[in-house]
N, C-alpha and C. Protein backbone atom coordinates (compact mmCIF):
# COMPACT_ATOMS: atom_id res chain seq x y z
N MET A 1 0.49 -1.33 0.01
CA MET A 1 0.31 0.12 -0.07
C MET A 1 1.00 1.19 -0.02
N PHE A 2 0.38 2.32 -1.00
CA PHE A 2 1.29 3.34 -1.13
C PHE A 2 0.56 4.43 -0.32
N VAL A 3 1.07 6.04 0.46
CA VAL A 3 0.59 6.91 0.38
C VAL A 3 0.81 7.91 -0.17
N PRO A 4 0.25 8.66 -0.04
CA PRO A 4 0.50 10.71 -0.66
C PRO A 4 1.68 10.62 -0.38
N ASP A 5 2.04 11.39 -1.20
CA ASP A 5 3.58 11.78 -0.82
C ASP A 5 4.68 11.11 -0.64
N GLN A 6 4.48 9.62 -0.99
CA GLN A 6 5.40 9.02 -0.90
C GLN A 6 6.11 8.63 -2.74
N LEU A 7 7.40 8.64 -2.56
CA LEU A 7 8.08 8.23 -4.09
C LEU A 7 8.05 6.63 -4.51
N VAL A 8 7.43 6.77 -5.37
CA VAL A 8 7.60 5.36 -6.14
C VAL A 8 8.10 5.33 -7.12
N VAL A 9 8.53 4.29 -7.98
CA VAL A 9 8.40 4.26 -9.33
C VAL A 9 7.59 3.53 -10.01
N TYR A 10 7.20 3.91 -11.22
CA TYR A 10 6.65 3.06 -12.21
C TYR A 10 7.38 2.61 -13.82
N PRO A 11 7.35 1.26 -13.86
CA PRO A 11 7.93 0.71 -14.72
C PRO A 11 8.27 1.92 -16.52
N ALA A 12 9.49 1.70 -16.86
CA ALA A 12 9.59 2.54 -18.10
C ALA A 12 9.12 4.18 -17.77
N GLN A 13 8.87 4.81 -16.45
CA GLN A 13 8.06 5.77 -16.62
C GLN A 13 9.22 6.31 -15.67
N GLY A 14 9.70 6.15 -14.62
CA GLY A 14 10.40 6.50 -13.77
C GLY A 14 9.84 7.12 -11.80
N VAL A 15 10.18 7.48 -11.67
CA VAL A 15 10.05 8.37 -10.60
C VAL A 15 9.10 8.70 -10.74
N GLY A 16 8.19 8.59 -9.30
CA GLY A 16 6.54 9.50 -9.34
C GLY A 16 6.09 9.86 -8.21
N LYS A 17 5.32 10.36 -7.51
CA LYS A 17 5.08 10.79 -6.55
C LYS A 17 3.69 9.96 -6.32
N VAL A 18 3.10 10.08 -5.63
CA VAL A 18 1.66 9.47 -5.09
C VAL A 18 0.77 10.80 -4.30
N GLU A 19 0.32 11.48 -5.50
CA GLU A 19 -0.85 12.39 -5.26
C GLU A 19 -1.62 12.22 -4.00
N ARG A 20 -2.33 11.33 -4.70
CA ARG A 20 -3.82 10.49 -3.75
C ARG A 20 -4.08 9.51 -4.50
N LEU A 21 -5.09 8.92 -3.49
CA LEU A 21 -5.57 7.93 -4.02
C LEU A 21 -7.28 8.53 -3.66
N GLU A 22 -7.96 7.53 -5.36
CA GLU A 22 -9.07 8.82 -5.82
C GLU A 22 -10.02 7.22 -6.00
N SER A 23 -11.37 7.16 -5.56
CA SER A 23 -11.81 6.28 -6.59
C SER A 23 -12.88 6.39 -7.18
N GLN A 24 -13.39 5.86 -8.01
CA GLN A 24 -14.03 6.10 -9.07
C GLN A 24 -14.93 5.17 -9.42
N VAL A 25 -16.26 5.19 -10.33
CA VAL A 25 -16.69 3.71 -10.71
C VAL A 25 -16.35 3.34 -11.99
N VAL A 26 -15.98 2.24 -12.42
CA VAL A 26 -15.47 1.68 -13.89
C VAL A 26 -15.83 0.49 -13.99
N GLY A 27 -17.13 0.81 -15.21
CA GLY A 27 -17.93 -0.64 -15.61
C GLY A 27 -18.63 -0.70 -14.35
N GLY A 28 -19.33 0.12 -13.69
CA GLY A 28 -20.48 -0.08 -12.84
C GLY A 28 -20.14 -0.84 -10.72
N ALA A 29 -18.26 -0.87 -10.91
CA ALA A 29 -17.66 -1.18 -9.65
C ALA A 29 -17.17 -0.05 -9.58
N GLU A 30 -17.44 0.27 -7.98
CA GLU A 30 -15.89 1.00 -7.63
C GLU A 30 -14.66 0.73 -7.42
N ALA A 31 -13.39 1.52 -7.93
CA ALA A 31 -12.03 0.84 -7.83
C ALA A 31 -11.38 2.17 -7.49
N GLU A 32 -10.65 1.90 -6.37
CA GLU A 32 -9.54 2.64 -6.28
C GLU A 32 -8.45 2.99 -7.03
N PHE A 33 -7.89 3.99 -7.16
CA PHE A 33 -6.67 4.13 -8.36
C PHE A 33 -5.50 5.81 -7.08
N TYR A 34 -4.52 4.69 -7.66
CA TYR A 34 -3.42 5.56 -6.77
C TYR A 34 -3.01 6.50 -8.06
N ILE A 35 -3.10 8.28 -7.74
CA ILE A 35 -2.79 9.11 -8.91
C ILE A 35 -1.28 9.58 -8.57
N VAL A 36 -0.93 9.23 -9.92
CA VAL A 36 0.69 9.30 -9.37
C VAL A 36 1.54 10.17 -10.56
N ARG A 37 2.38 11.15 -10.10
CA ARG A 37 2.82 12.31 -11.23
C ARG A 37 4.23 11.51 -11.09
N ILE A 38 4.52 11.38 -12.13
CA ILE A 38 5.97 11.35 -13.01
C ILE A 38 6.70 12.95 -12.81
N LEU A 39 7.81 12.49 -12.44
CA LEU A 39 8.68 13.78 -11.61
C LEU A 39 9.49 13.98 -13.34
N SER A 40 9.71 13.08 -14.13
CA SER A 40 10.42 13.72 -15.09
C SER A 40 9.70 14.36 -16.55
N ASN A 41 8.15 13.78 -16.09
CA ASN A 41 7.87 14.64 -17.70
C ASN A 41 6.27 14.94 -17.22
N ASN A 42 6.07 15.05 -15.64
CA ASN A 42 4.97 15.91 -15.08
C ASN A 42 3.43 15.16 -15.72
N VAL A 43 3.74 13.65 -16.13
CA VAL A 43 2.43 12.82 -16.76
C VAL A 43 1.49 12.46 -15.76
N THR A 44 0.42 12.50 -15.25
CA THR A 44 -0.05 11.92 -14.13
C THR A 44 -0.55 10.23 -14.56
N LEU A 45 -0.61 9.33 -13.48
CA LEU A 45 -1.17 8.07 -14.07
C LEU A 45 -1.96 7.87 -13.01
N MET A 46 -3.26 6.84 -13.26
CA MET A 46 -3.85 6.32 -12.33
C MET A 46 -3.81 5.01 -12.48
N VAL A 47 -3.36 4.55 -11.21
CA VAL A 47 -2.96 3.02 -11.18
C VAL A 47 -3.75 2.38 -10.42
N PRO A 48 -4.29 1.48 -10.82
CA PRO A 48 -5.38 0.55 -10.20
C PRO A 48 -4.72 -0.12 -8.85
N VAL A 49 -5.31 0.10 -7.50
CA VAL A 49 -4.66 -0.29 -6.41
C VAL A 49 -4.57 -1.90 -6.20
N LYS A 50 -5.74 -2.25 -7.05
CA LYS A 50 -5.68 -3.98 -6.94
C LYS A 50 -4.49 -4.13 -7.60
N ASN A 51 -4.35 -3.83 -8.93
CA ASN A 51 -3.60 -4.12 -9.78
C ASN A 51 -1.96 -3.32 -10.38
N ALA A 52 -1.51 -2.61 -8.70
CA ALA A 52 -0.50 -2.03 -8.72
C ALA A 52 0.60 -3.03 -8.63
N VAL A 53 0.80 -3.87 -8.19
CA VAL A 53 2.30 -4.81 -8.05
C VAL A 53 2.32 -5.03 -9.34
N ASN A 54 1.11 -5.70 -9.75
CA ASN A 54 0.91 -6.37 -11.30
C ASN A 54 1.56 -5.50 -12.21
N VAL A 55 1.04 -4.56 -12.27
CA VAL A 55 1.88 -3.65 -13.37
C VAL A 55 2.85 -3.36 -13.46
N GLY A 56 4.13 -3.58 -11.84
CA GLY A 56 5.49 -3.12 -11.51
C GLY A 56 5.35 -1.93 -10.49
N LEU A 57 4.39 -1.46 -10.42
CA LEU A 57 4.52 -0.17 -9.13
C LEU A 57 5.64 -0.62 -7.56
N ARG A 58 6.57 -0.03 -7.64
CA ARG A 58 6.74 -0.34 -6.54
C ARG A 58 8.15 1.31 -5.62
N ALA A 59 8.05 0.69 -4.27
CA ALA A 59 8.68 1.67 -3.66
C ALA A 59 9.81 2.08 -4.16
N LEU A 60 10.33 3.18 -3.81
CA LEU A 60 11.71 3.91 -4.31
C LEU A 60 12.57 3.09 -3.52
N CYS A 61 13.79 2.61 -4.47
CA CYS A 61 14.97 1.33 -3.68
C CYS A 61 15.47 2.68 -2.77
N SER A 62 16.14 1.88 -1.55
CA SER A 62 16.62 2.23 -0.26
C SER A 62 18.08 2.99 -0.84
N ALA A 63 18.43 3.56 0.29
CA ALA A 63 19.98 4.37 -0.46
C ALA A 63 21.05 3.07 -0.01
N GLU A 64 20.94 2.20 0.62
CA GLU A 64 22.01 0.89 0.56
C GLU A 64 21.24 0.15 -1.05
N GLU A 65 20.57 0.44 -1.74
CA GLU A 65 20.23 -0.59 -3.02
C GLU A 65 20.77 0.17 -4.05
N GLY A 66 20.51 1.90 -3.37
CA GLY A 66 21.26 2.59 -4.41
C GLY A 66 22.49 2.50 -4.62
N GLN A 67 23.15 2.56 -3.65
CA GLN A 67 24.82 1.97 -3.53
C GLN A 67 25.24 0.79 -4.24
N LYS A 68 24.07 0.28 -3.91
CA LYS A 68 24.61 -1.54 -4.23
C LYS A 68 24.75 -1.21 -6.07
N ILE A 69 23.69 -0.55 -6.34
CA ILE A 69 23.60 -0.16 -7.92
C ILE A 69 24.81 0.31 -8.74
N LEU A 70 25.00 1.46 -8.09
CA LEU A 70 26.27 2.13 -8.35
C LEU A 70 27.48 1.55 -8.47
N ASP A 71 27.59 0.15 -7.36
CA ASP A 71 28.67 -0.52 -7.39
C ASP A 71 28.82 -1.66 -8.12
N SER A 72 27.67 -2.12 -8.80
CA SER A 72 27.04 -2.99 -9.73
C SER A 72 27.41 -2.23 -11.26
N LEU A 73 27.30 -0.95 -11.26
CA LEU A 73 27.55 -0.23 -12.37
C LEU A 73 28.54 -0.18 -12.89
N GLN A 74 29.95 -0.32 -11.50
CA GLN A 74 31.84 -0.03 -11.76
C GLN A 74 32.02 -1.16 -12.22
N ASP A 75 31.61 -2.44 -11.43
CA ASP A 75 32.29 -4.07 -11.87
C ASP A 75 31.61 -4.53 -13.14
N ARG A 76 32.75 -4.56 -13.89
CA ARG A 76 32.78 -4.86 -15.36
C ARG A 76 33.10 -6.38 -15.29
N SER A 77 32.74 -6.74 -14.20
CA SER A 77 33.28 -8.89 -14.41
C SER A 77 32.30 -9.38 -15.35
N ASP A 78 30.74 -8.88 -15.25
CA ASP A 78 30.03 -9.52 -15.70
C ASP A 78 29.85 -9.37 -17.37
N PHE A 79 30.51 -8.78 -17.88
CA PHE A 79 29.95 -8.17 -19.17
C PHE A 79 31.40 -9.09 -19.86
N THR A 80 30.37 -10.09 -20.78
CA THR A 80 31.37 -10.50 -21.51
C THR A 80 31.70 -10.31 -23.27
N GLY A 81 31.35 -8.85 -23.44
CA GLY A 81 31.77 -8.31 -24.24
C GLY A 81 30.72 -7.98 -25.75
N TYR A 82 30.92 -7.24 -26.59
CA TYR A 82 29.94 -7.61 -27.79
C TYR A 82 29.93 -8.60 -28.64
N THR A 83 28.44 -9.66 -28.49
CA THR A 83 28.42 -10.71 -28.94
C THR A 83 28.45 -10.86 -30.62
N GLY A 84 27.76 -9.25 -31.24
CA GLY A 84 27.82 -9.66 -32.67
C GLY A 84 26.60 -9.71 -32.91
N GLN A 85 25.74 -9.32 -31.72
CA GLN A 85 23.76 -10.57 -31.37
C GLN A 85 23.14 -8.80 -32.46
N ASN A 86 22.23 -9.26 -33.15
CA ASN A 86 22.01 -7.74 -33.89
C ASN A 86 21.44 -6.87 -33.01
N TRP A 87 21.25 -5.16 -33.93
CA TRP A 87 20.93 -4.80 -32.52
C TRP A 87 19.41 -4.69 -32.30
N ASN A 88 18.35 -5.50 -33.64
CA ASN A 88 17.11 -5.16 -33.65
C ASN A 88 16.95 -6.68 -32.13
N ARG A 89 17.92 -7.24 -32.07
CA ARG A 89 17.28 -8.60 -31.06
C ARG A 89 17.71 -8.32 -29.35
N ARG A 90 18.73 -7.61 -29.43
CA ARG A 90 19.51 -6.54 -28.56
C ARG A 90 18.40 -5.27 -27.97
N TYR A 91 17.74 -4.41 -29.03
CA TYR A 91 16.70 -3.36 -28.79
C TYR A 91 15.67 -4.38 -27.96
N ARG A 92 14.71 -5.04 -28.68
CA ARG A 92 13.80 -5.70 -28.20
C ARG A 92 14.17 -6.53 -26.48
N GLU A 93 15.52 -6.71 -25.96
CA GLU A 93 15.68 -7.42 -25.21
C GLU A 93 15.55 -6.77 -24.34
N TYR A 94 16.54 -5.01 -24.58
CA TYR A 94 16.80 -4.03 -23.79
C TYR A 94 15.75 -3.29 -23.08
N SER A 95 14.81 -3.16 -24.26
CA SER A 95 13.37 -2.48 -24.11
C SER A 95 12.46 -3.45 -23.17
N GLU A 96 12.51 -4.74 -22.77
CA GLU A 96 12.17 -5.80 -22.01
C GLU A 96 11.77 -5.82 -20.54
N LYS A 97 13.98 -4.89 -20.50
CA LYS A 97 13.96 -5.47 -19.01
C LYS A 97 13.54 -3.88 -19.10
N LEU A 98 13.63 -2.74 -19.76
CA LEU A 98 13.38 -1.58 -19.32
C LEU A 98 11.92 -1.10 -18.53
N LYS A 99 10.81 -1.79 -19.09
CA LYS A 99 9.96 -2.64 -18.75
C LYS A 99 9.21 -2.98 -17.77
N SER A 100 10.40 -4.06 -17.29
CA SER A 100 10.26 -5.10 -15.96
C SER A 100 10.21 -4.18 -14.65
N GLY A 101 10.41 -2.89 -14.94
CA GLY A 101 10.67 -1.68 -13.34
C GLY A 101 11.79 -2.27 -12.30
N SER A 102 12.21 -3.48 -12.65
CA SER A 102 13.67 -3.76 -11.97
C SER A 102 14.70 -2.90 -12.01
N LEU A 103 14.95 -2.26 -11.00
CA LEU A 103 16.49 -1.37 -10.65
C LEU A 103 17.42 -2.08 -11.46
N GLU A 104 17.62 -3.11 -11.32
CA GLU A 104 18.98 -4.18 -11.54
C GLU A 104 18.54 -3.75 -12.85
N ASP A 105 17.60 -4.58 -14.01
CA ASP A 105 17.15 -4.83 -15.20
C ASP A 105 17.88 -3.49 -15.70
N VAL A 106 17.22 -2.33 -15.30
CA VAL A 106 17.94 -0.84 -16.10
C VAL A 106 18.91 -0.72 -15.99
N ALA A 107 19.88 -1.06 -14.80
CA ALA A 107 21.31 -0.80 -14.40
C ALA A 107 22.06 -1.85 -15.80
N TYR A 108 21.44 -2.58 -15.74
CA TYR A 108 22.22 -3.92 -16.67
C TYR A 108 22.20 -3.21 -18.28
N VAL A 109 21.20 -2.42 -18.89
CA VAL A 109 20.89 -2.09 -20.15
C VAL A 109 22.09 -1.15 -20.08
N LEU A 110 21.86 0.13 -18.89
CA LEU A 110 22.92 1.02 -18.81
C LEU A 110 24.32 0.64 -19.43
N LYS A 111 24.83 -0.24 -18.53
CA LYS A 111 26.05 -0.77 -18.86
C LYS A 111 26.44 -1.05 -19.82
N GLU A 112 25.47 -2.35 -20.31
CA GLU A 112 25.85 -2.93 -21.78
C GLU A 112 25.92 -2.19 -22.37
N LEU A 113 24.94 -0.94 -22.84
CA LEU A 113 24.73 -0.23 -23.80
C LEU A 113 25.81 0.24 -23.62
N LEU A 114 26.64 1.09 -23.16
CA LEU A 114 27.94 1.79 -22.20
C LEU A 114 28.78 1.15 -22.93
N LEU A 115 29.03 -0.19 -22.81
CA LEU A 115 30.26 -1.49 -23.14
C LEU A 115 30.57 -1.30 -24.78
N ILE A 116 28.82 -1.59 -24.82
CA ILE A 116 28.95 -2.21 -26.33
C ILE A 116 29.01 -1.24 -27.46
N GLY A 117 28.85 0.48 -26.87
CA GLY A 117 29.07 1.26 -27.60
C GLY A 117 30.51 1.91 -27.31
N LYS A 118 31.52 1.24 -26.67
CA LYS A 118 32.74 1.69 -26.97
C LYS A 118 33.18 0.35 -27.85
N ASP A 119 32.95 -0.62 -28.09
CA ASP A 119 33.44 -1.47 -29.68
C ASP A 119 32.35 -0.89 -31.05
N LYS A 120 31.66 -0.44 -31.34
CA LYS A 120 30.81 -0.25 -32.17
C LYS A 120 29.56 1.11 -31.95
N GLU A 121 29.42 1.73 -33.05
CA GLU A 121 28.88 2.64 -32.53
C GLU A 121 27.12 2.11 -32.70
N LEU A 122 26.52 2.73 -31.63
CA LEU A 122 24.89 2.71 -31.22
C LEU A 122 24.16 2.73 -32.48
N SER A 123 22.79 1.82 -32.79
CA SER A 123 21.92 2.31 -33.34
C SER A 123 20.78 3.21 -32.87
N PHE A 124 20.27 4.21 -33.73
CA PHE A 124 19.74 5.39 -33.09
C PHE A 124 18.26 4.78 -32.06
N GLY A 125 17.76 3.13 -31.88
CA GLY A 125 16.98 3.03 -31.19
C GLY A 125 17.75 2.77 -29.51
N GLU A 126 18.96 1.76 -30.06
CA GLU A 126 19.79 2.00 -28.78
C GLU A 126 20.29 3.13 -28.27
N ARG A 127 20.71 4.45 -28.47
CA ARG A 127 21.52 5.10 -27.94
C ARG A 127 19.57 5.76 -27.48
N ARG A 128 18.80 5.79 -27.88
CA ARG A 128 17.52 6.04 -26.98
C ARG A 128 17.40 5.80 -25.91
N LEU A 129 17.38 3.98 -26.02
CA LEU A 129 17.33 3.04 -24.75
C LEU A 129 18.45 3.56 -23.83
N LEU A 130 19.80 4.09 -24.67
CA LEU A 130 20.65 4.22 -23.45
C LEU A 130 20.42 5.80 -23.02
N GLU A 131 19.84 6.54 -23.34
CA GLU A 131 19.41 7.69 -22.82
C GLU A 131 18.22 7.56 -21.65
N GLN A 132 17.23 6.53 -22.08
CA GLN A 132 16.11 6.00 -20.68
C GLN A 132 16.86 5.44 -19.94
N SER A 133 17.78 4.64 -20.25
CA SER A 133 18.00 3.69 -18.68
C SER A 133 18.88 4.91 -18.12
N MET A 134 19.85 5.68 -18.66
CA MET A 134 20.53 6.82 -17.90
C MET A 134 19.45 7.38 -17.27
N GLY A 135 18.52 8.16 -17.58
CA GLY A 135 17.50 9.08 -16.39
C GLY A 135 16.95 8.08 -15.77
N LEU A 136 16.17 7.28 -15.92
CA LEU A 136 15.77 5.99 -14.90
C LEU A 136 16.60 5.84 -13.87
N ILE A 137 18.02 5.62 -14.03
CA ILE A 137 18.56 5.37 -12.58
C ILE A 137 19.00 6.55 -12.40
N THR A 138 19.36 7.16 -12.89
CA THR A 138 19.59 8.62 -12.15
C THR A 138 18.99 9.15 -10.67
N LEU A 139 17.29 9.31 -11.72
CA LEU A 139 16.42 9.83 -11.20
C LEU A 139 16.35 9.38 -9.65
N GLU A 140 15.98 8.08 -9.70
CA GLU A 140 15.87 7.25 -8.99
C GLU A 140 17.13 7.34 -7.77
N LEU A 141 18.34 7.12 -8.09
CA LEU A 141 19.49 6.95 -6.79
C LEU A 141 19.41 8.44 -6.40
N ALA A 142 19.51 9.23 -7.53
CA ALA A 142 19.83 10.48 -6.72
C ALA A 142 18.82 11.08 -5.63
N HIS A 143 17.56 10.37 -5.88
CA HIS A 143 16.33 10.84 -4.77
C HIS A 143 16.84 9.33 -3.26
N ALA A 144 16.91 8.29 -4.04
CA ALA A 144 18.01 7.07 -3.12
C ALA A 144 18.63 7.87 -1.95
N LEU A 145 19.52 8.55 -2.69
CA LEU A 145 21.07 8.63 -1.99
C LEU A 145 20.91 10.13 -1.87
N ASP A 146 20.14 10.89 -1.84
CA ASP A 146 19.44 12.47 -1.22
C ASP A 146 21.09 13.01 -2.14
N THR A 147 21.08 12.96 -3.32
CA THR A 147 21.98 14.30 -4.10
C THR A 147 20.88 14.80 -5.57
N THR A 148 21.78 14.86 -6.47
CA THR A 148 21.54 15.38 -7.59
C THR A 148 21.50 13.90 -8.79
N GLN A 149 20.15 14.34 -9.31
CA GLN A 149 20.22 13.57 -10.89
C GLN A 149 22.02 14.12 -11.60
N GLU A 150 22.43 15.08 -11.32
CA GLU A 150 23.41 15.52 -12.38
C GLU A 150 24.56 15.08 -11.40
N ASP A 151 24.68 14.54 -10.35
CA ASP A 151 25.31 14.16 -9.58
C ASP A 151 25.89 12.77 -9.51
N VAL A 152 24.89 12.03 -9.62
CA VAL A 152 24.68 10.82 -10.15
C VAL A 152 25.09 10.08 -11.37
N LYS A 153 24.56 11.09 -12.58
CA LYS A 153 25.01 11.06 -13.54
C LYS A 153 26.97 11.21 -14.05
N ALA A 154 27.38 12.01 -13.08
CA ALA A 154 28.86 12.01 -13.65
C ALA A 154 29.41 11.07 -12.40
N ARG A 155 29.03 10.44 -11.06
CA ARG A 155 29.28 9.64 -10.56
C ARG A 155 29.48 8.50 -11.46
N ILE A 156 28.41 8.29 -12.52
CA ILE A 156 28.35 6.74 -13.40
C ILE A 156 29.53 7.15 -14.83
N GLU A 157 29.42 8.45 -15.59
CA GLU A 157 30.66 8.88 -16.22
C GLU A 157 31.69 8.45 -16.22
N VAL A 158 32.03 8.92 -14.63
CA VAL A 158 33.37 8.37 -14.08
C VAL A 158 34.26 6.71 -13.88
N PHE A 159 32.81 5.91 -13.96
CA PHE A 159 33.28 4.77 -13.99
C PHE A 159 33.47 4.20 -15.50
N PHE A 160 32.54 5.15 -16.45
CA PHE A 160 32.55 4.67 -17.90
C PHE A 160 33.55 5.94 -18.97
N GLU A 161 34.70 6.75 -18.01
CA GLU A 161 35.35 7.25 -18.61
C GLU A 161 36.09 7.28 -20.29
N ASP A 162 36.94 5.71 -20.05
CA ASP A 162 37.33 4.97 -20.80
C ASP A 162 36.56 5.15 -22.73
N VAL A 163 35.32 4.83 -21.80
CA VAL A 163 34.38 4.50 -23.21
C VAL A 163 33.92 5.93 -23.71
N LEU A 164 33.47 6.49 -22.45
CA LEU A 164 32.88 7.86 -22.92
C LEU A 164 33.76 8.87 -23.43
N HIS A 165 34.90 8.88 -23.20
CA HIS A 165 36.49 9.79 -23.85
C HIS A 165 37.12 9.17 -24.21
N PRO A 166 37.46 8.31 -25.41
CA PRO A 166 38.24 7.40 -24.97
C PRO A 166 39.77 7.84 -25.71
N GLU A 167 39.67 9.41 -26.66
CA GLU A 167 40.83 10.28 -26.64
C GLU A 167 41.42 10.56 -25.54
N GLU A 168 41.00 10.45 -24.44
CA GLU A 168 41.47 10.77 -23.19
C GLU A 168 42.53 9.58 -22.40
N ASN A 169 42.37 8.52 -22.94
CA ASN A 169 42.75 7.55 -21.84
C ASN A 169 43.06 6.23 -23.03
N PRO A 170 43.98 6.84 -23.73
CA PRO A 170 44.77 5.45 -24.73
C PRO A 170 45.49 4.67 -23.77
N GLU A 171 45.15 3.43 -24.67
CA GLU A 171 45.24 2.51 -24.24
C GLU A 171 46.67 1.61 -24.81
């Protein structure tokens, strides 16, 4: 159960604030809805209370979980390298991960795309997914770690300095 003013995360949309609970008659039956305003774009969503968990609405991660996500981004031991898998298949896989609502899945997509981009140019769709995953991660971690989105992005960029600015880091 979420309460007004609580920060929550809606899959693929990001961090939102529960503005209120509202009852409405839908199909002749009364239903309760969370009214959630997404912080990044001011879109307001109506999420059925009974279905909130099924659609992936979840509480904001804790500071400890946020730090673990940052640590996981820095750790490249699980990256197997660019496998040559076609961009369309990767795009579908990554889109599904972003829709899952799992912060770990979003971090996985971000790390994979940043590291794949080191070896080859990302497609337009992959660049959009990279931007989306960066936005989702940085906004949630900024709230969880009580800092700014810019600070979190700067921390992540330090982890991937060799990828984002290869000319400054000759091998």
